[in-house]
N, C-alpha and C. Protein backbone atom coordinates (compact mmCIF):
# COMPACT_ATOMS: atom_id res chain seq x y z
N UNK A 1 -11.69 -18.24 -54.75
CA UNK A 1 -13.05 -17.74 -54.89
C UNK A 1 -13.06 -16.23 -54.71
N UNK A 2 -13.72 -15.53 -55.61
CA UNK A 2 -13.70 -14.06 -55.54
C UNK A 2 -15.01 -13.47 -56.02
N UNK A 3 -15.30 -12.29 -55.49
CA UNK A 3 -16.41 -11.47 -55.95
C UNK A 3 -15.82 -10.21 -56.55
N UNK A 4 -16.08 -9.99 -57.84
CA UNK A 4 -15.62 -8.78 -58.49
C UNK A 4 -16.77 -7.76 -58.49
N UNK A 5 -16.46 -6.55 -58.07
CA UNK A 5 -17.44 -5.46 -58.05
C UNK A 5 -17.09 -4.48 -59.16
N UNK A 6 -18.10 -4.07 -59.92
CA UNK A 6 -17.90 -3.12 -61.01
C UNK A 6 -18.94 -2.02 -60.91
N UNK A 7 -18.49 -0.80 -60.93
CA UNK A 7 -19.44 0.31 -61.03
C UNK A 7 -19.85 0.46 -62.50
N UNK A 8 -21.08 0.80 -62.74
CA UNK A 8 -21.58 1.01 -64.10
C UNK A 8 -20.74 2.04 -64.86
N UNK A 9 -20.89 2.06 -66.17
CA UNK A 9 -20.21 3.05 -67.00
C UNK A 9 -20.77 4.45 -66.79
N UNK A 10 -20.10 5.42 -67.38
CA UNK A 10 -20.50 6.82 -67.27
C UNK A 10 -21.95 7.01 -67.74
N UNK A 11 -22.75 7.69 -66.91
CA UNK A 11 -24.16 7.90 -67.26
C UNK A 11 -24.43 9.37 -67.53
N UNK A 12 -25.67 9.66 -67.90
CA UNK A 12 -26.03 11.01 -68.32
C UNK A 12 -25.78 12.03 -67.21
N UNK A 13 -25.05 13.10 -67.49
CA UNK A 13 -24.77 14.12 -66.47
C UNK A 13 -25.95 15.08 -66.29
N UNK A 14 -25.92 15.82 -65.21
CA UNK A 14 -26.90 16.88 -64.99
C UNK A 14 -28.17 16.44 -64.30
N UNK A 15 -28.20 15.18 -63.82
CA UNK A 15 -29.40 14.66 -63.18
C UNK A 15 -29.03 13.99 -61.86
N UNK A 16 -29.98 13.96 -60.93
CA UNK A 16 -29.76 13.21 -59.69
C UNK A 16 -29.78 11.72 -60.01
N UNK A 17 -28.88 11.00 -59.39
CA UNK A 17 -28.75 9.57 -59.64
C UNK A 17 -29.68 8.74 -58.79
N UNK A 18 -29.11 7.97 -57.86
CA UNK A 18 -29.94 7.11 -57.03
C UNK A 18 -30.71 6.11 -57.87
N UNK A 19 -32.04 6.09 -57.72
CA UNK A 19 -32.86 5.15 -58.47
C UNK A 19 -33.26 5.68 -59.84
N UNK A 20 -32.53 6.66 -60.34
CA UNK A 20 -32.74 7.15 -61.70
C UNK A 20 -32.59 6.00 -62.70
N UNK A 21 -33.40 6.02 -63.74
CA UNK A 21 -33.28 5.00 -64.78
C UNK A 21 -32.75 5.58 -66.07
N UNK A 22 -31.97 6.65 -65.95
CA UNK A 22 -31.30 7.18 -67.13
C UNK A 22 -30.13 6.27 -67.49
N UNK A 23 -29.81 6.24 -68.77
CA UNK A 23 -28.83 5.26 -69.24
C UNK A 23 -27.43 5.81 -69.40
N UNK A 24 -26.60 5.00 -70.05
CA UNK A 24 -25.20 5.33 -70.26
C UNK A 24 -25.03 6.36 -71.37
N UNK A 25 -23.96 7.12 -71.27
CA UNK A 25 -23.52 7.97 -72.37
C UNK A 25 -22.73 7.10 -73.35
N UNK A 26 -22.35 7.67 -74.48
CA UNK A 26 -21.52 6.93 -75.43
C UNK A 26 -20.19 6.55 -74.77
N UNK A 27 -19.67 7.44 -73.95
CA UNK A 27 -18.44 7.13 -73.22
C UNK A 27 -18.64 5.93 -72.30
N UNK A 28 -19.79 5.90 -71.63
CA UNK A 28 -20.08 4.78 -70.73
C UNK A 28 -20.19 3.46 -71.47
N UNK A 29 -20.77 3.50 -72.65
CA UNK A 29 -20.85 2.29 -73.49
C UNK A 29 -19.45 1.83 -73.88
N UNK A 30 -18.60 2.76 -74.27
CA UNK A 30 -17.23 2.41 -74.66
C UNK A 30 -16.44 1.86 -73.46
N UNK A 31 -16.63 2.45 -72.30
CA UNK A 31 -15.96 1.94 -71.09
C UNK A 31 -16.37 0.49 -70.82
N UNK A 32 -17.66 0.21 -70.97
CA UNK A 32 -18.17 -1.14 -70.72
C UNK A 32 -17.62 -2.13 -71.74
N UNK A 33 -17.55 -1.69 -72.99
CA UNK A 33 -17.00 -2.55 -74.03
C UNK A 33 -15.53 -2.86 -73.78
N UNK A 34 -14.80 -1.85 -73.35
CA UNK A 34 -13.37 -2.05 -73.08
C UNK A 34 -13.16 -2.99 -71.89
N UNK A 35 -14.01 -2.87 -70.88
CA UNK A 35 -13.88 -3.76 -69.73
C UNK A 35 -14.18 -5.20 -70.16
N UNK A 36 -15.23 -5.39 -70.95
CA UNK A 36 -15.55 -6.73 -71.43
C UNK A 36 -14.41 -7.33 -72.23
N UNK A 37 -13.81 -6.53 -73.12
CA UNK A 37 -12.68 -7.00 -73.93
C UNK A 37 -11.49 -7.36 -73.05
N UNK A 38 -11.24 -6.52 -72.05
CA UNK A 38 -10.11 -6.74 -71.14
C UNK A 38 -10.29 -8.03 -70.35
N UNK A 39 -11.50 -8.26 -69.85
CA UNK A 39 -11.76 -9.48 -69.08
C UNK A 39 -11.66 -10.71 -69.97
N UNK A 40 -12.09 -10.60 -71.21
CA UNK A 40 -12.00 -11.72 -72.14
C UNK A 40 -10.54 -12.04 -72.46
N UNK A 41 -9.76 -11.00 -72.71
CA UNK A 41 -8.35 -11.19 -73.04
C UNK A 41 -7.55 -11.74 -71.86
N UNK A 42 -8.04 -11.49 -70.65
CA UNK A 42 -7.35 -11.95 -69.44
C UNK A 42 -8.20 -12.96 -68.67
N UNK A 43 -8.92 -13.77 -69.41
CA UNK A 43 -9.86 -14.71 -68.78
C UNK A 43 -9.17 -15.69 -67.84
N UNK A 44 -7.94 -16.08 -68.17
CA UNK A 44 -7.23 -17.02 -67.30
C UNK A 44 -6.91 -16.41 -65.94
N UNK A 45 -6.86 -15.08 -65.89
CA UNK A 45 -6.60 -14.37 -64.63
C UNK A 45 -7.87 -14.15 -63.83
N UNK A 46 -8.96 -13.77 -64.50
CA UNK A 46 -10.19 -13.40 -63.80
C UNK A 46 -11.18 -14.56 -63.67
N UNK A 47 -11.33 -15.33 -64.72
CA UNK A 47 -12.16 -16.54 -64.70
C UNK A 47 -13.53 -16.31 -64.07
N UNK A 48 -14.22 -15.27 -64.54
CA UNK A 48 -15.57 -14.96 -64.04
C UNK A 48 -16.58 -15.88 -64.72
N UNK A 49 -17.48 -16.47 -63.94
CA UNK A 49 -18.40 -17.47 -64.47
C UNK A 49 -19.86 -17.03 -64.48
N UNK A 50 -20.18 -15.98 -63.74
CA UNK A 50 -21.56 -15.49 -63.79
C UNK A 50 -21.58 -14.03 -63.34
N UNK A 51 -22.66 -13.33 -63.70
CA UNK A 51 -22.80 -11.91 -63.39
C UNK A 51 -24.12 -11.69 -62.65
N UNK A 52 -24.05 -10.85 -61.63
CA UNK A 52 -25.24 -10.34 -60.94
C UNK A 52 -25.25 -8.84 -61.18
N UNK A 53 -26.42 -8.29 -61.46
CA UNK A 53 -26.46 -6.86 -61.77
C UNK A 53 -27.66 -6.16 -61.14
N UNK A 54 -27.44 -4.93 -60.76
CA UNK A 54 -28.54 -4.03 -60.41
C UNK A 54 -29.45 -3.90 -61.63
N UNK A 55 -30.75 -3.74 -61.38
CA UNK A 55 -31.69 -3.62 -62.49
C UNK A 55 -31.86 -2.19 -62.99
N UNK A 56 -31.18 -1.22 -62.39
CA UNK A 56 -31.26 0.15 -62.89
C UNK A 56 -30.55 0.24 -64.24
N UNK A 57 -31.08 1.05 -65.13
CA UNK A 57 -30.69 1.01 -66.55
C UNK A 57 -29.19 1.13 -66.77
N UNK A 58 -28.52 2.05 -66.07
CA UNK A 58 -27.10 2.26 -66.31
C UNK A 58 -26.27 1.04 -65.94
N UNK A 59 -26.67 0.33 -64.89
CA UNK A 59 -25.97 -0.90 -64.51
C UNK A 59 -26.33 -2.05 -65.44
N UNK A 60 -27.61 -2.13 -65.79
CA UNK A 60 -28.07 -3.21 -66.66
C UNK A 60 -27.44 -3.11 -68.05
N UNK A 61 -27.32 -1.89 -68.58
CA UNK A 61 -26.65 -1.71 -69.86
C UNK A 61 -25.19 -2.16 -69.78
N UNK A 62 -24.53 -1.78 -68.71
CA UNK A 62 -23.13 -2.15 -68.51
C UNK A 62 -22.98 -3.66 -68.46
N UNK A 63 -23.79 -4.31 -67.65
CA UNK A 63 -23.68 -5.76 -67.49
C UNK A 63 -24.04 -6.50 -68.77
N UNK A 64 -25.00 -5.99 -69.52
CA UNK A 64 -25.41 -6.63 -70.77
C UNK A 64 -24.27 -6.64 -71.78
N UNK A 65 -23.56 -5.52 -71.87
CA UNK A 65 -22.41 -5.42 -72.78
C UNK A 65 -21.33 -6.42 -72.38
N UNK A 66 -21.02 -6.47 -71.08
CA UNK A 66 -19.97 -7.36 -70.59
C UNK A 66 -20.38 -8.82 -70.75
N UNK A 67 -21.61 -9.13 -70.39
CA UNK A 67 -22.10 -10.52 -70.46
C UNK A 67 -22.08 -11.04 -71.89
N UNK A 68 -22.41 -10.17 -72.85
CA UNK A 68 -22.41 -10.58 -74.26
C UNK A 68 -21.00 -10.93 -74.72
N UNK A 69 -20.03 -10.12 -74.31
CA UNK A 69 -18.66 -10.37 -74.72
C UNK A 69 -18.08 -11.63 -74.06
N UNK A 70 -18.47 -11.89 -72.82
CA UNK A 70 -17.93 -13.04 -72.09
C UNK A 70 -18.83 -14.27 -72.20
N UNK A 71 -20.01 -14.09 -72.81
CA UNK A 71 -20.98 -15.19 -72.95
C UNK A 71 -21.32 -15.80 -71.58
N UNK A 72 -21.74 -14.94 -70.66
CA UNK A 72 -22.02 -15.36 -69.29
C UNK A 72 -23.49 -15.18 -68.94
N UNK A 73 -24.02 -16.03 -68.06
CA UNK A 73 -25.39 -15.85 -67.56
C UNK A 73 -25.44 -14.67 -66.60
N UNK A 74 -26.59 -13.99 -66.58
CA UNK A 74 -26.76 -12.81 -65.73
C UNK A 74 -28.02 -12.92 -64.89
N UNK A 75 -27.88 -12.58 -63.61
CA UNK A 75 -29.02 -12.49 -62.70
C UNK A 75 -29.28 -11.02 -62.40
N UNK A 76 -30.52 -10.57 -62.62
CA UNK A 76 -30.88 -9.18 -62.39
C UNK A 76 -31.56 -9.06 -61.02
N UNK A 77 -31.12 -8.08 -60.21
CA UNK A 77 -31.62 -7.98 -58.84
C UNK A 77 -31.77 -6.54 -58.40
N UNK A 78 -32.90 -6.24 -57.74
CA UNK A 78 -33.10 -4.92 -57.14
C UNK A 78 -32.20 -4.70 -55.92
N UNK A 79 -31.71 -5.77 -55.34
CA UNK A 79 -30.94 -5.67 -54.10
C UNK A 79 -29.68 -4.83 -54.26
N UNK A 80 -29.15 -4.76 -55.49
CA UNK A 80 -27.88 -4.08 -55.72
C UNK A 80 -28.04 -2.68 -56.27
N UNK A 81 -29.25 -2.11 -56.10
CA UNK A 81 -29.48 -0.73 -56.53
C UNK A 81 -28.74 0.27 -55.65
N UNK A 82 -28.52 1.45 -56.22
CA UNK A 82 -27.98 2.59 -55.48
C UNK A 82 -29.02 3.03 -54.44
N UNK A 83 -28.66 4.02 -53.64
CA UNK A 83 -29.58 4.59 -52.65
C UNK A 83 -30.92 4.96 -53.29
N UNK A 84 -32.00 4.64 -52.61
CA UNK A 84 -33.33 5.04 -53.07
C UNK A 84 -33.56 6.50 -52.70
N UNK A 85 -33.38 7.39 -53.67
CA UNK A 85 -33.57 8.82 -53.41
C UNK A 85 -34.96 9.30 -53.78
N UNK A 86 -35.90 8.37 -53.87
CA UNK A 86 -37.32 8.69 -53.97
C UNK A 86 -37.68 9.66 -55.07
N UNK A 87 -38.31 10.76 -54.70
CA UNK A 87 -38.83 11.73 -55.66
C UNK A 87 -37.73 12.45 -56.44
N UNK A 88 -36.49 12.38 -55.94
CA UNK A 88 -35.39 13.06 -56.63
C UNK A 88 -34.75 12.22 -57.72
N UNK A 89 -35.11 10.95 -57.82
CA UNK A 89 -34.47 10.05 -58.76
C UNK A 89 -34.62 10.54 -60.20
N UNK A 90 -33.50 10.77 -60.86
CA UNK A 90 -33.51 11.21 -62.25
C UNK A 90 -33.91 12.65 -62.47
N UNK A 91 -34.12 13.40 -61.41
CA UNK A 91 -34.55 14.79 -61.54
C UNK A 91 -33.38 15.67 -61.99
N UNK A 92 -33.60 16.62 -62.90
CA UNK A 92 -32.53 17.54 -63.27
C UNK A 92 -31.98 18.25 -62.03
N UNK A 93 -30.68 18.41 -61.97
CA UNK A 93 -30.05 18.99 -60.79
C UNK A 93 -30.63 20.35 -60.43
N UNK A 94 -30.86 21.19 -61.44
CA UNK A 94 -31.38 22.53 -61.18
C UNK A 94 -32.77 22.47 -60.55
N UNK A 95 -33.61 21.57 -61.03
CA UNK A 95 -34.96 21.44 -60.48
C UNK A 95 -34.91 20.86 -59.07
N UNK A 96 -34.01 19.91 -58.84
CA UNK A 96 -33.88 19.32 -57.51
C UNK A 96 -33.45 20.38 -56.50
N UNK A 97 -32.55 21.25 -56.91
CA UNK A 97 -32.08 22.29 -56.01
C UNK A 97 -33.18 23.31 -55.74
N UNK A 98 -34.03 23.53 -56.73
CA UNK A 98 -35.15 24.46 -56.57
C UNK A 98 -36.21 23.88 -55.63
N UNK A 99 -36.56 22.61 -55.81
CA UNK A 99 -37.63 22.00 -55.03
C UNK A 99 -37.16 21.50 -53.67
N UNK A 100 -35.89 21.05 -53.62
CA UNK A 100 -35.35 20.49 -52.37
C UNK A 100 -33.97 21.08 -52.12
N UNK A 101 -33.91 22.39 -51.85
CA UNK A 101 -32.60 23.05 -51.72
C UNK A 101 -31.73 22.43 -50.62
N UNK A 102 -30.50 22.14 -51.00
CA UNK A 102 -29.54 21.61 -50.04
C UNK A 102 -29.74 20.16 -49.66
N UNK A 103 -30.64 19.47 -50.33
CA UNK A 103 -30.91 18.07 -49.97
C UNK A 103 -30.01 17.14 -50.78
N UNK A 104 -29.08 16.53 -50.09
CA UNK A 104 -28.17 15.55 -50.67
C UNK A 104 -28.05 14.38 -49.71
N UNK A 105 -27.49 13.28 -50.21
CA UNK A 105 -27.33 12.10 -49.36
C UNK A 105 -26.57 12.43 -48.08
N UNK A 106 -25.52 13.22 -48.21
CA UNK A 106 -24.68 13.53 -47.05
C UNK A 106 -25.35 14.52 -46.10
N UNK A 107 -26.42 15.18 -46.54
CA UNK A 107 -27.08 16.15 -45.66
C UNK A 107 -28.17 15.50 -44.80
N UNK A 108 -28.53 14.26 -45.12
CA UNK A 108 -29.56 13.56 -44.36
C UNK A 108 -29.02 13.07 -43.02
N UNK A 109 -29.88 13.03 -42.02
CA UNK A 109 -29.54 12.30 -40.80
C UNK A 109 -29.53 10.81 -41.16
N UNK A 110 -28.88 10.00 -40.37
CA UNK A 110 -28.79 8.58 -40.69
C UNK A 110 -30.17 7.92 -40.76
N UNK A 111 -31.12 8.44 -39.96
CA UNK A 111 -32.46 7.84 -39.94
C UNK A 111 -33.49 8.67 -40.72
N UNK A 112 -33.01 9.65 -41.49
CA UNK A 112 -33.90 10.54 -42.24
C UNK A 112 -34.03 10.06 -43.68
N UNK A 113 -35.25 9.88 -44.13
CA UNK A 113 -35.48 9.36 -45.47
C UNK A 113 -35.52 10.48 -46.51
N UNK A 114 -35.05 10.15 -47.70
CA UNK A 114 -35.36 11.00 -48.85
C UNK A 114 -36.88 11.04 -49.00
N UNK A 115 -37.45 12.13 -49.51
CA UNK A 115 -38.89 12.14 -49.79
C UNK A 115 -39.27 10.99 -50.72
N UNK A 116 -40.06 10.07 -50.22
CA UNK A 116 -40.46 8.92 -51.02
C UNK A 116 -39.39 7.86 -51.16
N UNK A 117 -38.29 7.99 -50.42
CA UNK A 117 -37.18 7.05 -50.56
C UNK A 117 -36.76 6.42 -49.24
N UNK A 118 -35.48 6.09 -49.13
CA UNK A 118 -34.97 5.44 -47.94
C UNK A 118 -33.97 6.33 -47.22
N UNK A 119 -33.68 5.98 -45.99
CA UNK A 119 -32.70 6.71 -45.19
C UNK A 119 -31.32 6.10 -45.39
N UNK A 120 -30.26 6.81 -45.02
CA UNK A 120 -28.92 6.23 -45.12
C UNK A 120 -28.77 4.90 -44.37
N UNK A 121 -29.35 4.80 -43.18
CA UNK A 121 -29.20 3.56 -42.42
C UNK A 121 -29.97 2.42 -43.08
N UNK A 122 -31.11 2.71 -43.69
CA UNK A 122 -31.85 1.69 -44.43
C UNK A 122 -31.05 1.25 -45.67
N UNK A 123 -30.42 2.19 -46.33
CA UNK A 123 -29.55 1.89 -47.47
C UNK A 123 -28.41 0.97 -47.03
N UNK A 124 -27.78 1.32 -45.93
CA UNK A 124 -26.66 0.52 -45.41
C UNK A 124 -27.09 -0.90 -45.08
N UNK A 125 -28.22 -1.04 -44.42
CA UNK A 125 -28.70 -2.37 -44.04
C UNK A 125 -29.07 -3.20 -45.25
N UNK A 126 -29.65 -2.58 -46.26
CA UNK A 126 -30.04 -3.30 -47.48
C UNK A 126 -28.80 -3.85 -48.19
N UNK A 127 -27.78 -3.03 -48.33
CA UNK A 127 -26.57 -3.47 -49.02
C UNK A 127 -25.81 -4.49 -48.18
N UNK A 128 -25.79 -4.29 -46.88
CA UNK A 128 -25.14 -5.26 -45.99
C UNK A 128 -25.79 -6.64 -46.13
N UNK A 129 -27.11 -6.66 -46.17
CA UNK A 129 -27.82 -7.94 -46.31
C UNK A 129 -27.52 -8.58 -47.67
N UNK A 130 -27.52 -7.79 -48.73
CA UNK A 130 -27.26 -8.33 -50.06
C UNK A 130 -25.84 -8.90 -50.14
N UNK A 131 -24.87 -8.17 -49.63
CA UNK A 131 -23.48 -8.61 -49.68
C UNK A 131 -23.25 -9.83 -48.80
N UNK A 132 -23.79 -9.79 -47.59
CA UNK A 132 -23.63 -10.92 -46.66
C UNK A 132 -24.25 -12.19 -47.24
N UNK A 133 -25.43 -12.05 -47.83
CA UNK A 133 -26.09 -13.21 -48.44
C UNK A 133 -25.26 -13.79 -49.57
N UNK A 134 -24.70 -12.91 -50.43
CA UNK A 134 -23.87 -13.38 -51.52
C UNK A 134 -22.64 -14.12 -51.00
N UNK A 135 -21.99 -13.55 -50.01
CA UNK A 135 -20.80 -14.20 -49.43
C UNK A 135 -21.15 -15.56 -48.85
N UNK A 136 -22.27 -15.65 -48.15
CA UNK A 136 -22.69 -16.92 -47.56
C UNK A 136 -23.02 -17.94 -48.64
N UNK A 137 -23.68 -17.49 -49.70
CA UNK A 137 -24.00 -18.39 -50.81
C UNK A 137 -22.74 -18.93 -51.47
N UNK A 138 -21.74 -18.08 -51.58
CA UNK A 138 -20.50 -18.49 -52.21
C UNK A 138 -19.75 -19.52 -51.36
N UNK A 139 -19.79 -19.37 -50.06
CA UNK A 139 -19.00 -20.24 -49.18
C UNK A 139 -19.77 -21.45 -48.67
N UNK A 140 -21.09 -21.36 -48.59
CA UNK A 140 -21.88 -22.45 -47.99
C UNK A 140 -22.48 -23.41 -49.00
N UNK A 141 -22.38 -23.08 -50.29
CA UNK A 141 -22.92 -23.95 -51.34
C UNK A 141 -21.80 -24.30 -52.30
N UNK A 142 -22.17 -24.84 -53.43
CA UNK A 142 -21.15 -25.21 -54.42
C UNK A 142 -20.76 -24.05 -55.32
N UNK A 143 -21.16 -22.80 -54.95
CA UNK A 143 -20.79 -21.62 -55.73
C UNK A 143 -19.35 -21.21 -55.41
N UNK A 144 -18.42 -22.00 -55.87
CA UNK A 144 -17.01 -21.72 -55.61
C UNK A 144 -16.37 -20.94 -56.74
N UNK A 145 -17.16 -20.59 -57.76
CA UNK A 145 -16.63 -19.85 -58.89
C UNK A 145 -16.54 -18.36 -58.57
N UNK A 146 -15.86 -17.64 -59.46
CA UNK A 146 -15.79 -16.19 -59.34
C UNK A 146 -17.05 -15.56 -59.93
N UNK A 147 -17.58 -14.58 -59.25
CA UNK A 147 -18.80 -13.91 -59.68
C UNK A 147 -18.54 -12.41 -59.79
N UNK A 148 -19.20 -11.75 -60.73
CA UNK A 148 -19.10 -10.31 -60.88
C UNK A 148 -20.44 -9.68 -60.52
N UNK A 149 -20.38 -8.57 -59.76
CA UNK A 149 -21.56 -7.80 -59.43
C UNK A 149 -21.42 -6.42 -60.06
N UNK A 150 -22.33 -6.09 -60.98
CA UNK A 150 -22.33 -4.76 -61.60
C UNK A 150 -23.32 -3.90 -60.83
N UNK A 151 -22.82 -2.84 -60.23
CA UNK A 151 -23.63 -2.08 -59.29
C UNK A 151 -23.28 -0.59 -59.34
N UNK A 152 -23.24 0.08 -58.21
CA UNK A 152 -23.15 1.54 -58.15
C UNK A 152 -22.08 1.98 -57.14
N UNK A 153 -21.65 3.22 -57.27
CA UNK A 153 -20.58 3.72 -56.42
C UNK A 153 -20.91 3.67 -54.93
N UNK A 154 -22.14 4.05 -54.59
CA UNK A 154 -22.53 4.03 -53.18
C UNK A 154 -22.53 2.63 -52.60
N UNK A 155 -22.91 1.65 -53.41
CA UNK A 155 -22.92 0.26 -52.96
C UNK A 155 -21.49 -0.21 -52.70
N UNK A 156 -20.61 0.07 -53.64
CA UNK A 156 -19.20 -0.33 -53.48
C UNK A 156 -18.59 0.34 -52.26
N UNK A 157 -18.94 1.60 -52.03
CA UNK A 157 -18.44 2.33 -50.87
C UNK A 157 -18.83 1.62 -49.57
N UNK A 158 -20.06 1.18 -49.47
CA UNK A 158 -20.52 0.48 -48.27
C UNK A 158 -19.77 -0.84 -48.10
N UNK A 159 -19.59 -1.58 -49.20
CA UNK A 159 -18.90 -2.87 -49.11
C UNK A 159 -17.45 -2.69 -48.66
N UNK A 160 -16.79 -1.65 -49.11
CA UNK A 160 -15.43 -1.37 -48.63
C UNK A 160 -15.42 -1.21 -47.11
N UNK A 161 -16.39 -0.48 -46.60
CA UNK A 161 -16.46 -0.28 -45.15
C UNK A 161 -16.70 -1.60 -44.43
N UNK A 162 -17.56 -2.44 -44.98
CA UNK A 162 -17.85 -3.74 -44.36
C UNK A 162 -16.59 -4.61 -44.33
N UNK A 163 -15.95 -4.76 -45.48
CA UNK A 163 -14.80 -5.66 -45.59
C UNK A 163 -13.62 -5.14 -44.77
N UNK A 164 -13.42 -3.83 -44.75
CA UNK A 164 -12.31 -3.25 -44.00
C UNK A 164 -12.66 -2.96 -42.54
N UNK A 165 -13.89 -3.31 -42.16
CA UNK A 165 -14.34 -3.13 -40.78
C UNK A 165 -14.20 -1.67 -40.32
N UNK A 166 -14.68 -0.77 -41.18
CA UNK A 166 -14.68 0.67 -40.88
C UNK A 166 -16.12 1.10 -40.64
N UNK A 167 -16.35 1.83 -39.57
CA UNK A 167 -17.71 2.30 -39.30
C UNK A 167 -18.19 3.19 -40.45
N UNK A 168 -19.38 2.88 -40.96
CA UNK A 168 -19.89 3.61 -42.11
C UNK A 168 -20.86 4.71 -41.68
N UNK A 169 -20.81 5.83 -42.40
CA UNK A 169 -21.76 6.92 -42.22
C UNK A 169 -21.91 7.62 -43.56
N UNK A 170 -23.07 8.21 -43.79
CA UNK A 170 -23.26 8.98 -45.02
C UNK A 170 -22.44 10.26 -45.03
N UNK A 171 -21.79 10.57 -43.93
CA UNK A 171 -20.91 11.75 -43.86
C UNK A 171 -19.47 11.40 -44.27
N UNK A 172 -19.14 10.12 -44.35
CA UNK A 172 -17.79 9.70 -44.67
C UNK A 172 -17.41 10.10 -46.09
N UNK A 173 -16.13 10.32 -46.31
CA UNK A 173 -15.63 10.56 -47.66
C UNK A 173 -15.80 9.30 -48.48
N UNK A 174 -16.29 9.45 -49.71
CA UNK A 174 -16.52 8.29 -50.56
C UNK A 174 -15.19 7.69 -51.01
N UNK A 175 -15.11 6.38 -50.99
CA UNK A 175 -13.96 5.65 -51.50
C UNK A 175 -14.03 5.67 -53.02
N UNK A 176 -12.88 5.82 -53.67
CA UNK A 176 -12.83 5.95 -55.12
C UNK A 176 -13.42 4.73 -55.82
N UNK A 177 -14.34 4.99 -56.75
CA UNK A 177 -14.93 3.93 -57.58
C UNK A 177 -15.21 4.53 -58.95
N UNK A 178 -14.25 4.38 -59.85
CA UNK A 178 -14.38 4.96 -61.19
C UNK A 178 -15.44 4.22 -61.99
N UNK A 179 -15.98 4.87 -63.01
CA UNK A 179 -16.91 4.20 -63.90
C UNK A 179 -16.22 3.00 -64.55
N UNK A 180 -16.80 1.83 -64.41
CA UNK A 180 -16.30 0.50 -64.82
C UNK A 180 -15.01 0.12 -64.11
N UNK A 181 -14.68 0.81 -63.02
CA UNK A 181 -13.54 0.39 -62.20
C UNK A 181 -13.79 -0.99 -61.62
N UNK A 182 -12.72 -1.78 -61.49
CA UNK A 182 -12.82 -3.18 -61.07
C UNK A 182 -12.25 -3.34 -59.66
N UNK A 183 -13.03 -3.99 -58.80
CA UNK A 183 -12.65 -4.24 -57.41
C UNK A 183 -12.80 -5.73 -57.14
N UNK A 184 -11.89 -6.30 -56.38
CA UNK A 184 -11.92 -7.74 -56.11
C UNK A 184 -11.96 -7.99 -54.61
N UNK A 185 -12.98 -8.73 -54.18
CA UNK A 185 -13.10 -9.18 -52.80
C UNK A 185 -12.87 -10.68 -52.83
N UNK A 186 -11.79 -11.12 -52.20
CA UNK A 186 -11.35 -12.51 -52.33
C UNK A 186 -11.47 -13.25 -50.99
N UNK A 187 -11.83 -14.52 -51.09
CA UNK A 187 -11.97 -15.36 -49.89
C UNK A 187 -10.64 -16.04 -49.62
N UNK A 188 -10.01 -15.64 -48.51
CA UNK A 188 -8.69 -16.17 -48.15
C UNK A 188 -8.65 -16.54 -46.67
N UNK A 189 -8.26 -17.74 -46.38
CA UNK A 189 -8.09 -18.15 -44.99
C UNK A 189 -9.33 -17.97 -44.15
N UNK A 190 -10.48 -18.19 -44.76
CA UNK A 190 -11.74 -18.07 -44.03
C UNK A 190 -12.26 -16.66 -43.89
N UNK A 191 -11.62 -15.70 -44.55
CA UNK A 191 -12.04 -14.30 -44.47
C UNK A 191 -12.14 -13.70 -45.87
N UNK A 192 -13.03 -12.71 -46.01
CA UNK A 192 -13.13 -11.95 -47.25
C UNK A 192 -12.25 -10.70 -47.13
N UNK A 193 -11.42 -10.45 -48.14
CA UNK A 193 -10.56 -9.28 -48.11
C UNK A 193 -10.43 -8.67 -49.49
N UNK A 194 -10.19 -7.37 -49.53
CA UNK A 194 -10.01 -6.66 -50.79
C UNK A 194 -8.60 -6.89 -51.31
N UNK A 195 -8.49 -7.43 -52.52
CA UNK A 195 -7.18 -7.70 -53.11
C UNK A 195 -6.96 -6.93 -54.42
N UNK A 196 -7.98 -6.21 -54.86
CA UNK A 196 -7.84 -5.32 -56.02
C UNK A 196 -8.81 -4.17 -55.82
N UNK A 197 -8.27 -2.94 -55.92
CA UNK A 197 -9.10 -1.77 -55.63
C UNK A 197 -9.12 -0.80 -56.81
N UNK A 198 -10.30 -0.62 -57.37
CA UNK A 198 -10.56 0.41 -58.39
C UNK A 198 -9.57 0.35 -59.56
N UNK A 199 -9.36 -0.85 -60.10
CA UNK A 199 -8.48 -1.00 -61.25
C UNK A 199 -9.15 -0.46 -62.51
N UNK A 200 -8.42 0.38 -63.23
CA UNK A 200 -8.93 0.96 -64.49
C UNK A 200 -7.95 0.71 -65.63
N UNK A 201 -7.22 -0.40 -65.59
CA UNK A 201 -6.24 -0.71 -66.63
C UNK A 201 -6.87 -0.75 -68.02
N UNK A 202 -8.14 -1.15 -68.08
CA UNK A 202 -8.80 -1.31 -69.37
C UNK A 202 -9.14 0.00 -70.06
N UNK A 203 -9.14 1.11 -69.33
CA UNK A 203 -9.50 2.40 -69.96
C UNK A 203 -8.36 3.41 -69.89
N UNK A 204 -7.17 2.95 -69.55
CA UNK A 204 -6.05 3.88 -69.52
C UNK A 204 -5.50 4.11 -70.91
């Protein structure tokens, strides 16, 4: 039993991310197509049976491309969104720096919210709850199949900290998560562990 985590494809540059609803670039579309083809060609290895995706456009576009190629059902959920950066979501970088100089995720206190958004600790708790619930559903019900979650870099970063039992902070260095990079969290011996980290074989 495994949970595969995928970061969305490359999205439009020059804008603040978070809850931005800007979509994929042509490169991001191609990355998603290549991942779908790779998973289909190696289906006996991955055997993914369903997809859960963040509802933000860049993740939804990625999951739609993959789901079409694999002919898989998809569940859309707000729980797997990136950090809620409130008023900065999708704002051009230059304008964000003008209106909110020096305001970045790493500059916030753990309990300090983005204007109109959430704080780092609220972000951490939201993702922890989503991941814990998914793990429990997989182990406590008949969901013994492999599932893919299409989400965001910040979400994957938090899950790495949870699985590896590393204290998380918004000041920590981000763990590598390439666009459409593939990560595997596998259930072994009663524990969840990372057995594949940021694989990009499909776009090399």
